[in-house]
Amino acid sequence: MRLAAIILAIAVSLGACATVEATGDEIVIEHAANQFLAAQLKADEYCGEQGRVAQHVMTGPRKSSFLALQTSESVFRCVPEKAAAK
């Protein structure tokens, strides 16, 4: 059981999120359910490469994955900075 906890801690610290799909002005990111900020930062980085900012569209329901870690998928849209302010 201790080994599982160590593996889980390493997995969370190495990458709390992963890009599921990135096409044009949208990015879908899978992240630990309690790590929305990590997904937001990854989306900001992706959109920043296009000279835009990330705007949260939606987050799907929590689901269990390896070692019972709860994950969610969040969708972000890259928009001009002025549109994000609205």
PDB file of N, CA and C in Angstrom:
ATOM      1  N   MET A   1       0.821  -1.191   0.000  1.00  0.00           N
ATOM      2  CA  MET A   1       0.000   0.000   0.000  1.00  0.00           C
ATOM      3  C   MET A   1       0.867   1.257   0.000  1.00  0.00           C
ATOM      4  N   ARG A   2       1.988   1.214   0.695  1.00  0.00           N
ATOM      5  CA  ARG A   2       2.876   2.370   0.746  1.00  0.00           C
ATOM      6  C   ARG A   2       3.452   2.671  -0.634  1.00  0.00           C
ATOM      7  N   LEU A   3       3.782   1.629  -1.387  1.00  0.00           N
ATOM      8  CA  LEU A   3       4.316   1.813  -2.737  1.00  0.00           C
ATOM      9  C   LEU A   3       3.289   2.508  -3.626  1.00  0.00           C
ATOM     10  N   ALA A   4       2.043   2.149  -3.496  1.00  0.00           N
ATOM     11  CA  ALA A   4       0.992   2.791  -4.288  1.00  0.00           C
ATOM     12  C   ALA A   4       0.890   4.276  -3.953  1.00  0.00           C
ATOM     13  N   ALA A   5       1.025   4.628  -2.695  1.00  0.00           N
ATOM     14  CA  ALA A   5       0.964   6.033  -2.288  1.00  0.00           C
ATOM     15  C   ALA A   5       2.152   6.803  -2.846  1.00  0.00           C
ATOM     16  N   ILE A   6       3.319   6.190  -2.869  1.00  0.00           N
ATOM     17  CA  ILE A   6       4.509   6.843  -3.424  1.00  0.00           C
ATOM     18  C   ILE A   6       4.354   7.050  -4.919  1.00  0.00           C
ATOM     19  N   ILE A   7       3.864   6.039  -5.623  1.00  0.00           N
ATOM     20  CA  ILE A   7       3.648   6.147  -7.068  1.00  0.00           C
ATOM     21  C   ILE A   7       2.633   7.243  -7.365  1.00  0.00           C
ATOM     22  N   LEU A   8       1.577   7.304  -6.594  1.00  0.00           N
ATOM     23  CA  LEU A   8       0.561   8.332  -6.776  1.00  0.00           C
ATOM     24  C   LEU A   8       1.151   9.727  -6.555  1.00  0.00           C
ATOM     25  N   ALA A   9       1.943   9.896  -5.524  1.00  0.00           N
ATOM     26  CA  ALA A   9       2.547  11.197  -5.236  1.00  0.00           C
ATOM     27  C   ALA A   9       3.482  11.621  -6.359  1.00  0.00           C
ATOM     28  N   ILE A  10       4.253  10.688  -6.890  1.00  0.00           N
ATOM     29  CA  ILE A  10       5.159  10.996  -8.004  1.00  0.00           C
ATOM     30  C   ILE A  10       4.366  11.371  -9.243  1.00  0.00           C
ATOM     31  N   ALA A  11       3.319  10.634  -9.545  1.00  0.00           N
ATOM     32  CA  ALA A  11       2.503  10.916 -10.732  1.00  0.00           C
ATOM     33  C   ALA A  11       1.862  12.293 -10.649  1.00  0.00           C
ATOM     34  N   VAL A  12       1.364  12.642  -9.491  1.00  0.00           N
ATOM     35  CA  VAL A  12       0.719  13.944  -9.321  1.00  0.00           C
ATOM     36  C   VAL A  12       1.740  15.065  -9.423  1.00  0.00           C
ATOM     37  N   SER A  13       2.914  14.873  -8.836  1.00  0.00           N
ATOM     38  CA  SER A  13       3.913  15.942  -8.863  1.00  0.00           C
ATOM     39  C   SER A  13       4.544  16.107 -10.233  1.00  0.00           C
ATOM     40  N   LEU A  14       4.668  15.036 -11.005  1.00  0.00           N
ATOM     41  CA  LEU A  14       5.287  15.132 -12.322  1.00  0.00           C
ATOM     42  C   LEU A  14       4.380  15.759 -13.362  1.00  0.00           C
ATOM     43  N   GLY A  15       3.133  15.552 -13.265  1.00  0.00           N
ATOM     44  CA  GLY A  15       2.236  16.114 -14.254  1.00  0.00           C
ATOM     45  C   GLY A  15       0.803  16.011 -13.812  1.00  0.00           C
ATOM     46  N   ALA A  16       0.304  17.102 -13.316  1.00  0.00           N
ATOM     47  CA  ALA A  16      -1.058  17.095 -12.819  1.00  0.00           C
ATOM     48  C   ALA A  16      -2.061  17.154 -13.962  1.00  0.00           C
ATOM     49  N   CYS A  17      -1.577  17.345 -15.199  1.00  0.00           N
ATOM     50  CA  CYS A  17      -2.509  17.420 -16.311  1.00  0.00           C
ATOM     51  C   CYS A  17      -1.840  16.960 -17.605  1.00  0.00           C
ATOM     52  N   ALA A  18      -2.672  16.614 -18.566  1.00  0.00           N
ATOM     53  CA  ALA A  18      -2.189  16.177 -19.873  1.00  0.00           C
ATOM     54  C   ALA A  18      -3.138  16.689 -20.949  1.00  0.00           C
ATOM     55  N   THR A  19      -2.569  17.084 -22.066  1.00  0.00           N
ATOM     56  CA  THR A  19      -3.390  17.548 -23.184  1.00  0.00           C
ATOM     57  C   THR A  19      -4.055  16.344 -23.837  1.00  0.00           C
ATOM     58  N   VAL A  20      -5.367  16.377 -23.949  1.00  0.00           N
ATOM     59  CA  VAL A  20      -6.124  15.326 -24.618  1.00  0.00           C
ATOM     60  C   VAL A  20      -6.226  15.656 -26.103  1.00  0.00           C
ATOM     61  N   GLU A  21      -6.525  16.910 -26.392  1.00  0.00           N
ATOM     62  CA  GLU A  21      -6.668  17.362 -27.775  1.00  0.00           C
ATOM     63  C   GLU A  21      -6.415  18.867 -27.836  1.00  0.00           C
ATOM     64  N   ALA A  22      -5.662  19.275 -28.840  1.00  0.00           N
ATOM     65  CA  ALA A  22      -5.416  20.702 -29.056  1.00  0.00           C
ATOM     66  C   ALA A  22      -5.575  20.966 -30.547  1.00  0.00           C
ATOM     67  N   THR A  23      -6.654  21.643 -30.898  1.00  0.00           N
ATOM     68  CA  THR A  23      -6.912  21.932 -32.304  1.00  0.00           C
ATOM     69  C   THR A  23      -7.287  23.401 -32.452  1.00  0.00           C
ATOM     70  N   GLY A  24      -6.487  24.122 -33.214  1.00  0.00           N
ATOM     71  CA  GLY A  24      -6.799  25.519 -33.481  1.00  0.00           C
ATOM     72  C   GLY A  24      -6.964  26.332 -32.227  1.00  0.00           C
ATOM     73  N   ASP A  25      -8.170  26.810 -31.997  1.00  0.00           N
ATOM     74  CA  ASP A  25      -8.397  27.698 -30.854  1.00  0.00           C
ATOM     75  C   ASP A  25      -9.017  27.000 -29.651  1.00  0.00           C
ATOM     76  N   GLU A  26      -8.975  25.665 -29.596  1.00  0.00           N
ATOM     77  CA  GLU A  26      -9.494  24.939 -28.433  1.00  0.00           C
ATOM     78  C   GLU A  26      -8.481  23.925 -27.943  1.00  0.00           C
ATOM     79  N   ILE A  27      -8.485  23.730 -26.639  1.00  0.00           N
ATOM     80  CA  ILE A  27      -7.632  22.718 -26.026  1.00  0.00           C
ATOM     81  C   ILE A  27      -8.442  21.994 -24.958  1.00  0.00           C
ATOM     82  N   VAL A  28      -8.310  20.677 -24.922  1.00  0.00           N
ATOM     83  CA  VAL A  28      -8.971  19.845 -23.912  1.00  0.00           C
ATOM     84  C   VAL A  28      -7.862  19.259 -23.052  1.00  0.00           C
ATOM     85  N   ILE A  29      -7.981  19.438 -21.751  1.00  0.00           N
ATOM     86  CA  ILE A  29      -6.946  19.015 -20.821  1.00  0.00           C
ATOM     87  C   ILE A  29      -7.540  18.101 -19.762  1.00  0.00           C
ATOM     88  N   GLU A  30      -6.899  16.940 -19.564  1.00  0.00           N
ATOM     89  CA  GLU A  30      -7.286  16.041 -18.480  1.00  0.00           C
ATOM     90  C   GLU A  30      -6.410  16.383 -17.284  1.00  0.00           C
ATOM     91  N   HIS A  31      -7.030  16.534 -16.128  1.00  0.00           N
ATOM     92  CA  HIS A  31      -6.295  16.947 -14.938  1.00  0.00           C
ATOM     93  C   HIS A  31      -6.886  16.285 -13.704  1.00  0.00           C
ATOM     94  N   ALA A  32      -6.080  16.243 -12.649  1.00  0.00           N
ATOM     95  CA  ALA A  32      -6.605  15.772 -11.373  1.00  0.00           C
ATOM     96  C   ALA A  32      -7.781  16.672 -11.011  1.00  0.00           C
ATOM     97  N   ALA A  33      -8.842  16.089 -10.525  1.00  0.00           N
ATOM     98  CA  ALA A  33     -10.078  16.829 -10.292  1.00  0.00           C
ATOM     99  C   ALA A  33      -9.876  18.036  -9.382  1.00  0.00           C
ATOM    100  N   ASN A  34      -8.919  17.967  -8.488  1.00  0.00           N
ATOM    101  CA  ASN A  34      -8.674  19.097  -7.583  1.00  0.00           C
ATOM    102  C   ASN A  34      -7.538  19.990  -8.071  1.00  0.00           C
ATOM    103  N   GLN A  35      -7.130  19.846  -9.323  1.00  0.00           N
ATOM    104  CA  GLN A  35      -6.013  20.622  -9.867  1.00  0.00           C
ATOM    105  C   GLN A  35      -6.436  21.447 -11.094  1.00  0.00           C
ATOM    106  N   PHE A  36      -7.564  22.130 -10.996  1.00  0.00           N
ATOM    107  CA  PHE A  36      -8.042  22.944 -12.114  1.00  0.00           C
ATOM    108  C   PHE A  36      -7.027  24.023 -12.485  1.00  0.00           C
ATOM    109  N   LEU A  37      -6.351  24.586 -11.500  1.00  0.00           N
ATOM    110  CA  LEU A  37      -5.373  25.648 -11.762  1.00  0.00           C
ATOM    111  C   LEU A  37      -4.262  25.164 -12.699  1.00  0.00           C
ATOM    112  N   ALA A  38      -3.818  23.919 -12.530  1.00  0.00           N
ATOM    113  CA  ALA A  38      -2.782  23.371 -13.413  1.00  0.00           C
ATOM    114  C   ALA A  38      -3.290  23.312 -14.851  1.00  0.00           C
ATOM    115  N   ALA A  39      -4.555  22.946 -15.042  1.00  0.00           N
ATOM    116  CA  ALA A  39      -5.144  22.900 -16.384  1.00  0.00           C
ATOM    117  C   ALA A  39      -5.244  24.309 -16.956  1.00  0.00           C
ATOM    118  N   GLN A  40      -5.639  25.276 -16.129  1.00  0.00           N
ATOM    119  CA  GLN A  40      -5.743  26.665 -16.574  1.00  0.00           C
ATOM    120  C   GLN A  40      -4.386  27.185 -17.035  1.00  0.00           C
ATOM    121  N   LEU A  41      -3.335  26.873 -16.279  1.00  0.00           N
ATOM    122  CA  LEU A  41      -1.991  27.322 -16.639  1.00  0.00           C
ATOM    123  C   LEU A  41      -1.529  26.700 -17.951  1.00  0.00           C
ATOM    124  N   LYS A  42      -1.826  25.423 -18.142  1.00  0.00           N
ATOM    125  CA  LYS A  42      -1.455  24.748 -19.394  1.00  0.00           C
ATOM    126  C   LYS A  42      -2.222  25.360 -20.573  1.00  0.00           C
ATOM    127  N   ALA A  43      -3.482  25.658 -20.381  1.00  0.00           N
ATOM    128  CA  ALA A  43      -4.284  26.290 -21.430  1.00  0.00           C
ATOM    129  C   ALA A  43      -3.773  27.698 -21.722  1.00  0.00           C
ATOM    130  N   ASP A  44      -3.411  28.440 -20.672  1.00  0.00           N
ATOM    131  CA  ASP A  44      -2.853  29.781 -20.860  1.00  0.00           C
ATOM    132  C   ASP A  44      -1.574  29.725 -21.688  1.00  0.00           C
ATOM    133  N   GLU A  45      -0.746  28.734 -21.430  1.00  0.00           N
ATOM    134  CA  GLU A  45       0.506  28.577 -22.189  1.00  0.00           C
ATOM    135  C   GLU A  45       0.210  28.287 -23.658  1.00  0.00           C
ATOM    136  N   TYR A  46      -0.719  27.370 -23.904  1.00  0.00           N
ATOM    137  CA  TYR A  46      -1.087  27.010 -25.284  1.00  0.00           C
ATOM    138  C   TYR A  46      -1.645  28.226 -26.024  1.00  0.00           C
ATOM    139  N   CYS A  47      -2.581  28.921 -25.409  1.00  0.00           N
ATOM    140  CA  CYS A  47      -3.201  30.078 -26.056  1.00  0.00           C
ATOM    141  C   CYS A  47      -2.225  31.238 -26.195  1.00  0.00           C
ATOM    142  N   GLY A  48      -1.321  31.368 -25.240  1.00  0.00           N
ATOM    143  CA  GLY A  48      -0.330  32.424 -25.293  1.00  0.00           C
ATOM    144  C   GLY A  48       0.560  32.312 -26.527  1.00  0.00           C
ATOM    145  N   GLU A  49       0.803  31.090 -26.979  1.00  0.00           N
ATOM    146  CA  GLU A  49       1.596  30.881 -28.195  1.00  0.00           C
ATOM    147  C   GLU A  49       0.891  31.464 -29.423  1.00  0.00           C
ATOM    148  N   GLN A  50      -0.404  31.649 -29.334  1.00  0.00           N
ATOM    149  CA  GLN A  50      -1.199  32.212 -30.428  1.00  0.00           C
ATOM    150  C   GLN A  50      -1.498  33.700 -30.202  1.00  0.00           C
ATOM    151  N   GLY A  51      -0.949  34.263 -29.128  1.00  0.00           N
ATOM    152  CA  GLY A  51      -1.220  35.655 -28.814  1.00  0.00           C
ATOM    153  C   GLY A  51      -2.616  35.881 -28.268  1.00  0.00           C
ATOM    154  N   ARG A  52      -3.176  34.858 -27.643  1.00  0.00           N
ATOM    155  CA  ARG A  52      -4.527  34.927 -27.086  1.00  0.00           C
ATOM    156  C   ARG A  52      -4.506  34.483 -25.631  1.00  0.00           C
ATOM    157  N   VAL A  53      -5.649  34.509 -24.993  1.00  0.00           N
ATOM    158  CA  VAL A  53      -5.775  34.032 -23.617  1.00  0.00           C
ATOM    159  C   VAL A  53      -6.792  32.896 -23.572  1.00  0.00           C
ATOM    160  N   ALA A  54      -6.641  32.053 -22.561  1.00  0.00           N
ATOM    161  CA  ALA A  54      -7.539  30.899 -22.411  1.00  0.00           C
ATOM    162  C   ALA A  54      -8.802  31.302 -21.669  1.00  0.00           C
ATOM    163  N   GLN A  55      -9.932  30.890 -22.212  1.00  0.00           N
ATOM    164  CA  GLN A  55     -11.224  31.115 -21.569  1.00  0.00           C
ATOM    165  C   GLN A  55     -11.842  29.746 -21.292  1.00  0.00           C
ATOM    166  N   HIS A  56     -12.179  29.498 -20.039  1.00  0.00           N
ATOM    167  CA  HIS A  56     -12.760  28.210 -19.647  1.00  0.00           C
ATOM    168  C   HIS A  56     -14.139  28.059 -20.271  1.00  0.00           C
ATOM    169  N   VAL A  57     -14.379  26.936 -20.918  1.00  0.00           N
ATOM    170  CA  VAL A  57     -15.678  26.656 -21.531  1.00  0.00           C
ATOM    171  C   VAL A  57     -16.488  25.732 -20.630  1.00  0.00           C
ATOM    172  N   MET A  58     -15.881  24.615 -20.224  1.00  0.00           N
ATOM    173  CA  MET A  58     -16.587  23.657 -19.377  1.00  0.00           C
ATOM    174  C   MET A  58     -15.619  22.656 -18.781  1.00  0.00           C
ATOM    175  N   THR A  59     -16.055  22.019 -17.703  1.00  0.00           N
ATOM    176  CA  THR A  59     -15.319  20.916 -17.101  1.00  0.00           C
ATOM    177  C   THR A  59     -16.278  19.753 -16.971  1.00  0.00           C
ATOM    178  N   GLY A  60     -15.835  18.592 -17.437  1.00  0.00           N
ATOM    179  CA  GLY A  60     -16.665  17.399 -17.377  1.00  0.00           C
ATOM    180  C   GLY A  60     -16.726  16.834 -15.963  1.00  0.00           C
ATOM    181  N   PRO A  61     -17.542  15.816 -15.770  1.00  0.00           N
ATOM    182  CA  PRO A  61     -17.683  15.212 -14.442  1.00  0.00           C
ATOM    183  C   PRO A  61     -16.403  14.476 -14.021  1.00  0.00           C
ATOM    184  N   ARG A  62     -16.264  14.294 -12.735  1.00  0.00           N
ATOM    185  CA  ARG A  62     -15.113  13.550 -12.213  1.00  0.00           C
ATOM    186  C   ARG A  62     -15.217  12.090 -12.628  1.00  0.00           C
ATOM    187  N   LYS A  63     -14.047  11.498 -12.881  1.00  0.00           N
ATOM    188  CA  LYS A  63     -14.007  10.070 -13.166  1.00  0.00           C
ATOM    189  C   LYS A  63     -12.777   9.481 -12.497  1.00  0.00           C
ATOM    190  N   SER A  64     -12.836   8.217 -12.153  1.00  0.00           N
ATOM    191  CA  SER A  64     -11.711   7.551 -11.504  1.00  0.00           C
ATOM    192  C   SER A  64     -10.776   6.993 -12.559  1.00  0.00           C
ATOM    193  N   SER A  65      -9.484   7.036 -12.231  1.00  0.00           N
ATOM    194  CA  SER A  65      -8.491   6.474 -13.143  1.00  0.00           C
ATOM    195  C   SER A  65      -7.521   5.638 -12.323  1.00  0.00           C
ATOM    196  N   PHE A  66      -6.339   5.418 -12.834  1.00  0.00           N
ATOM    197  CA  PHE A  66      -5.317   4.596 -12.202  1.00  0.00           C
ATOM    198  C   PHE A  66      -5.146   4.952 -10.731  1.00  0.00           C
ATOM    199  N   LEU A  67      -5.142   3.972  -9.885  1.00  0.00           N
ATOM    200  CA  LEU A  67      -4.992   4.142  -8.440  1.00  0.00           C
ATOM    201  C   LEU A  67      -6.084   4.996  -7.818  1.00  0.00           C
ATOM    202  N   ALA A  68      -7.256   4.997  -8.414  1.00  0.00           N
ATOM    203  CA  ALA A  68      -8.436   5.696  -7.902  1.00  0.00           C
ATOM    204  C   ALA A  68      -8.254   7.206  -7.847  1.00  0.00           C
ATOM    205  N   LEU A  69      -7.343   7.751  -8.633  1.00  0.00           N
ATOM    206  CA  LEU A  69      -7.182   9.197  -8.723  1.00  0.00           C
ATOM    207  C   LEU A  69      -8.372   9.758  -9.488  1.00  0.00           C
ATOM    208  N   GLN A  70      -9.020  10.760  -8.945  1.00  0.00           N
ATOM    209  CA  GLN A  70     -10.164  11.384  -9.595  1.00  0.00           C
ATOM    210  C   GLN A  70      -9.659  12.395 -10.627  1.00  0.00           C
ATOM    211  N   THR A  71     -10.127  12.278 -11.868  1.00  0.00           N
ATOM    212  CA  THR A  71      -9.718  13.208 -12.914  1.00  0.00           C
ATOM    213  C   THR A  71     -10.943  13.846 -13.552  1.00  0.00           C
ATOM    214  N   SER A  72     -10.706  14.948 -14.234  1.00  0.00           N
ATOM    215  CA  SER A  72     -11.734  15.633 -15.012  1.00  0.00           C
ATOM    216  C   SER A  72     -11.091  16.113 -16.301  1.00  0.00           C
ATOM    217  N   GLU A  73     -11.916  16.395 -17.292  1.00  0.00           N
ATOM    218  CA  GLU A  73     -11.437  17.018 -18.520  1.00  0.00           C
ATOM    219  C   GLU A  73     -12.050  18.406 -18.611  1.00  0.00           C
ATOM    220  N   SER A  74     -11.201  19.392 -18.864  1.00  0.00           N
ATOM    221  CA  SER A  74     -11.661  20.767 -19.010  1.00  0.00           C
ATOM    222  C   SER A  74     -11.384  21.241 -20.428  1.00  0.00           C
ATOM    223  N   VAL A  75     -12.322  22.008 -20.965  1.00  0.00           N
ATOM    224  CA  VAL A  75     -12.202  22.563 -22.312  1.00  0.00           C
ATOM    225  C   VAL A  75     -11.965  24.062 -22.181  1.00  0.00           C
ATOM    226  N   PHE A  76     -10.993  24.552 -22.933  1.00  0.00           N
ATOM    227  CA  PHE A  76     -10.679  25.971 -22.973  1.00  0.00           C
ATOM    228  C   PHE A  76     -10.690  26.435 -24.421  1.00  0.00           C
ATOM    229  N   ARG A  77     -11.088  27.674 -24.631  1.00  0.00           N
ATOM    230  CA  ARG A  77     -11.081  28.284 -25.964  1.00  0.00           C
ATOM    231  C   ARG A  77     -10.112  29.458 -25.917  1.00  0.00           C
ATOM    232  N   CYS A  78      -9.280  29.580 -26.951  1.00  0.00           N
ATOM    233  CA  CYS A  78      -8.352  30.704 -27.054  1.00  0.00           C
ATOM    234  C   CYS A  78      -9.094  31.881 -27.677  1.00  0.00           C
ATOM    235  N   VAL A  79      -9.125  32.981 -26.953  1.00  0.00           N
ATOM    236  CA  VAL A  79      -9.848  34.158 -27.408  1.00  0.00           C
ATOM    237  C   VAL A  79      -8.935  35.383 -27.315  1.00  0.00           C
ATOM    238  N   PRO A  80      -9.243  36.444 -28.087  1.00  0.00           N
ATOM    239  CA  PRO A  80      -8.493  37.684 -27.913  1.00  0.00           C
ATOM    240  C   PRO A  80      -8.659  38.194 -26.494  1.00  0.00           C
ATOM    241  N   GLU A  81      -7.680  38.860 -25.973  1.00  0.00           N
ATOM    242  CA  GLU A  81      -7.710  39.314 -24.576  1.00  0.00           C
ATOM    243  C   GLU A  81      -8.929  40.152 -24.252  1.00  0.00           C
ATOM    244  N   LYS A  82      -9.374  40.996 -25.160  1.00  0.00           N
ATOM    245  CA  LYS A  82     -10.548  41.860 -24.912  1.00  0.00           C
ATOM    246  C   LYS A  82     -11.810  41.017 -24.737  1.00  0.00           C
ATOM    247  N   ALA A  83     -11.948  39.935 -25.506  1.00  0.00           N
ATOM    248  CA  ALA A  83     -13.141  39.084 -25.392  1.00  0.00           C
ATOM    249  C   ALA A  83     -13.163  38.351 -24.056  1.00  0.00           C
ATOM    250  N   ALA A  84     -12.015  38.026 -23.501  1.00  0.00           N
ATOM    251  CA  ALA A  84     -11.958  37.313 -22.228  1.00  0.00           C
ATOM    252  C   ALA A  84     -12.384  38.199 -21.063  1.00  0.00           C
ATOM    253  N   ALA A  85     -12.228  39.504 -21.216  1.00  0.00           N
ATOM    254  CA  ALA A  85     -12.581  40.435 -20.153  1.00  0.00           C
ATOM    255  C   ALA A  85     -14.079  40.563 -19.956  1.00  0.00           C
ATOM    256  N   LYS A  86     -14.871  40.188 -20.938  1.00  0.00           N
ATOM    257  CA  LYS A  86     -16.343  40.327 -20.853  1.00  0.00           C
ATOM    258  C   LYS A  86     -16.970  39.314 -19.956  1.00  0.00           C
TER     259      LYS A  86
END
